[in-house]
Amino acid sequence: MEAFSSLLKGDVKTALAGGDHALLELIMSGENFNPHVSTGVAPKGYLDKMLAEPFEPFTFSPAGAAVYQIGPFGTAAKKLKQLNQKTCVG
């Protein structure tokens, strides 16, 4: 992947020259990449009960995605990039 190898060389301009697709490739290439959907916060007791119940997997189609700088307690502190559906799927 050209974007990733350019970034490893310290060449950020070339790494991001591919626009949103290059950014998505970089994000999804990391060994710690863990795609997820955040739906909010809840008391621990409620979450423990919810996790103990059977869970039926589901599929969804996002209208877009965003990249955030992570803040305290894993919160989305600052939006760094907004991606539209065309970018995410294309």
Protein backbone atom coordinates (compact mmCIF):
# COMPACT_ATOMS: atom_id res chain seq x y z
CA MET A 1 0.00 0.00 0.00
CA GLU A 2 1.65 3.20 -1.20
CA ALA A 3 -0.01 5.48 1.35
CA PHE A 4 1.23 3.39 4.29
CA SER A 5 4.80 3.03 2.99
CA SER A 6 4.95 6.78 2.32
CA LEU A 7 3.81 7.51 5.86
CA LEU A 8 6.46 5.17 7.28
CA LYS A 9 9.05 7.23 5.39
CA GLY A 10 7.66 10.41 6.97
CA ASP A 11 6.15 11.64 3.69
CA VAL A 12 2.68 12.66 4.90
CA LYS A 13 1.91 14.73 1.79
CA THR A 14 2.32 11.72 -0.52
CA ALA A 15 0.56 9.41 1.95
CA LEU A 16 -2.57 11.56 1.87
CA ALA A 17 -2.39 12.55 -1.81
CA GLY A 18 -4.99 9.86 -2.56
CA GLY A 19 -7.58 11.82 -0.59
CA ASP A 20 -10.23 10.09 1.50
CA HIS A 21 -9.45 6.63 0.09
CA ALA A 22 -5.83 6.97 1.18
CA LEU A 23 -6.95 8.05 4.64
CA LEU A 24 -9.30 5.06 4.95
CA GLU A 25 -6.53 2.68 3.84
CA LEU A 26 -4.22 4.08 6.50
CA ILE A 27 -6.83 3.80 9.24
CA MET A 28 -7.88 0.26 8.36
CA SER A 29 -4.34 -1.05 7.92
CA GLY A 30 -3.30 -0.82 11.56
CA GLU A 31 -3.06 -3.97 13.67
CA ASN A 32 -5.16 -2.26 16.34
CA PHE A 33 -7.97 -1.30 13.95
CA ASN A 34 -11.26 -2.23 15.60
CA PRO A 35 -14.30 -1.02 13.66
CA HIS A 36 -17.25 -0.38 15.93
CA VAL A 37 -20.40 1.64 16.37
CA SER A 38 -20.64 3.86 19.42
CA THR A 39 -24.19 4.45 20.55
CA GLY A 40 -23.68 6.33 23.80
CA VAL A 41 -23.05 5.71 27.48
CA ALA A 42 -25.00 3.91 30.20
CA PRO A 43 -24.61 2.85 33.84
CA LYS A 44 -22.40 -0.23 34.36
CA GLY A 45 -25.30 -2.28 35.79
CA TYR A 46 -27.35 -1.74 32.65
CA LEU A 47 -24.42 -2.69 30.41
CA ASP A 48 -23.66 -5.83 32.42
CA LYS A 49 -27.29 -6.93 32.08
CA MET A 50 -27.29 -6.15 28.36
CA LEU A 51 -24.06 -8.10 27.77
CA ALA A 52 -25.43 -11.13 29.64
CA GLU A 53 -28.41 -11.39 27.26
CA PRO A 54 -28.26 -13.23 23.90
CA PHE A 55 -27.12 -10.99 21.08
CA GLU A 56 -28.34 -11.36 17.52
CA PRO A 57 -25.74 -10.05 15.02
CA PHE A 58 -26.98 -7.45 12.56
CA THR A 59 -25.81 -5.66 9.45
CA PHE A 60 -26.13 -1.95 8.87
CA SER A 61 -25.16 0.51 6.16
CA PRO A 62 -23.68 3.77 7.40
CA ALA A 63 -24.46 7.02 5.64
CA GLY A 64 -20.94 8.15 6.44
CA ALA A 65 -18.08 7.88 8.87
CA ALA A 66 -15.76 10.15 10.76
CA VAL A 67 -12.27 9.98 12.21
CA TYR A 68 -11.91 11.43 15.70
CA GLN A 69 -9.08 12.27 18.05
CA ILE A 70 -9.74 10.18 21.15
CA GLY A 71 -10.26 12.04 24.42
CA PRO A 72 -10.75 11.05 28.07
CA PHE A 73 -12.48 7.69 28.62
CA GLY A 74 -12.37 6.92 24.89
CA THR A 75 -14.68 9.77 23.96
CA ALA A 76 -14.59 11.41 20.55
CA ALA A 77 -12.82 14.64 21.51
CA LYS A 78 -12.26 16.29 18.15
CA LYS A 79 -13.53 15.44 14.67
CA LEU A 80 -10.54 15.23 12.35
CA LYS A 81 -12.24 14.11 9.13
CA GLN A 82 -15.80 13.53 7.92
CA LEU A 83 -16.27 10.90 5.19
CA ASN A 84 -19.43 10.65 3.11
CA GLN A 85 -21.12 7.43 1.98
CA LYS A 86 -19.58 7.55 -1.49
CA THR A 87 -16.08 7.67 0.02
CA CYS A 88 -16.82 4.89 2.50
CA VAL A 89 -18.26 2.48 -0.06
CA GLY A 90 -16.47 3.47 -3.25
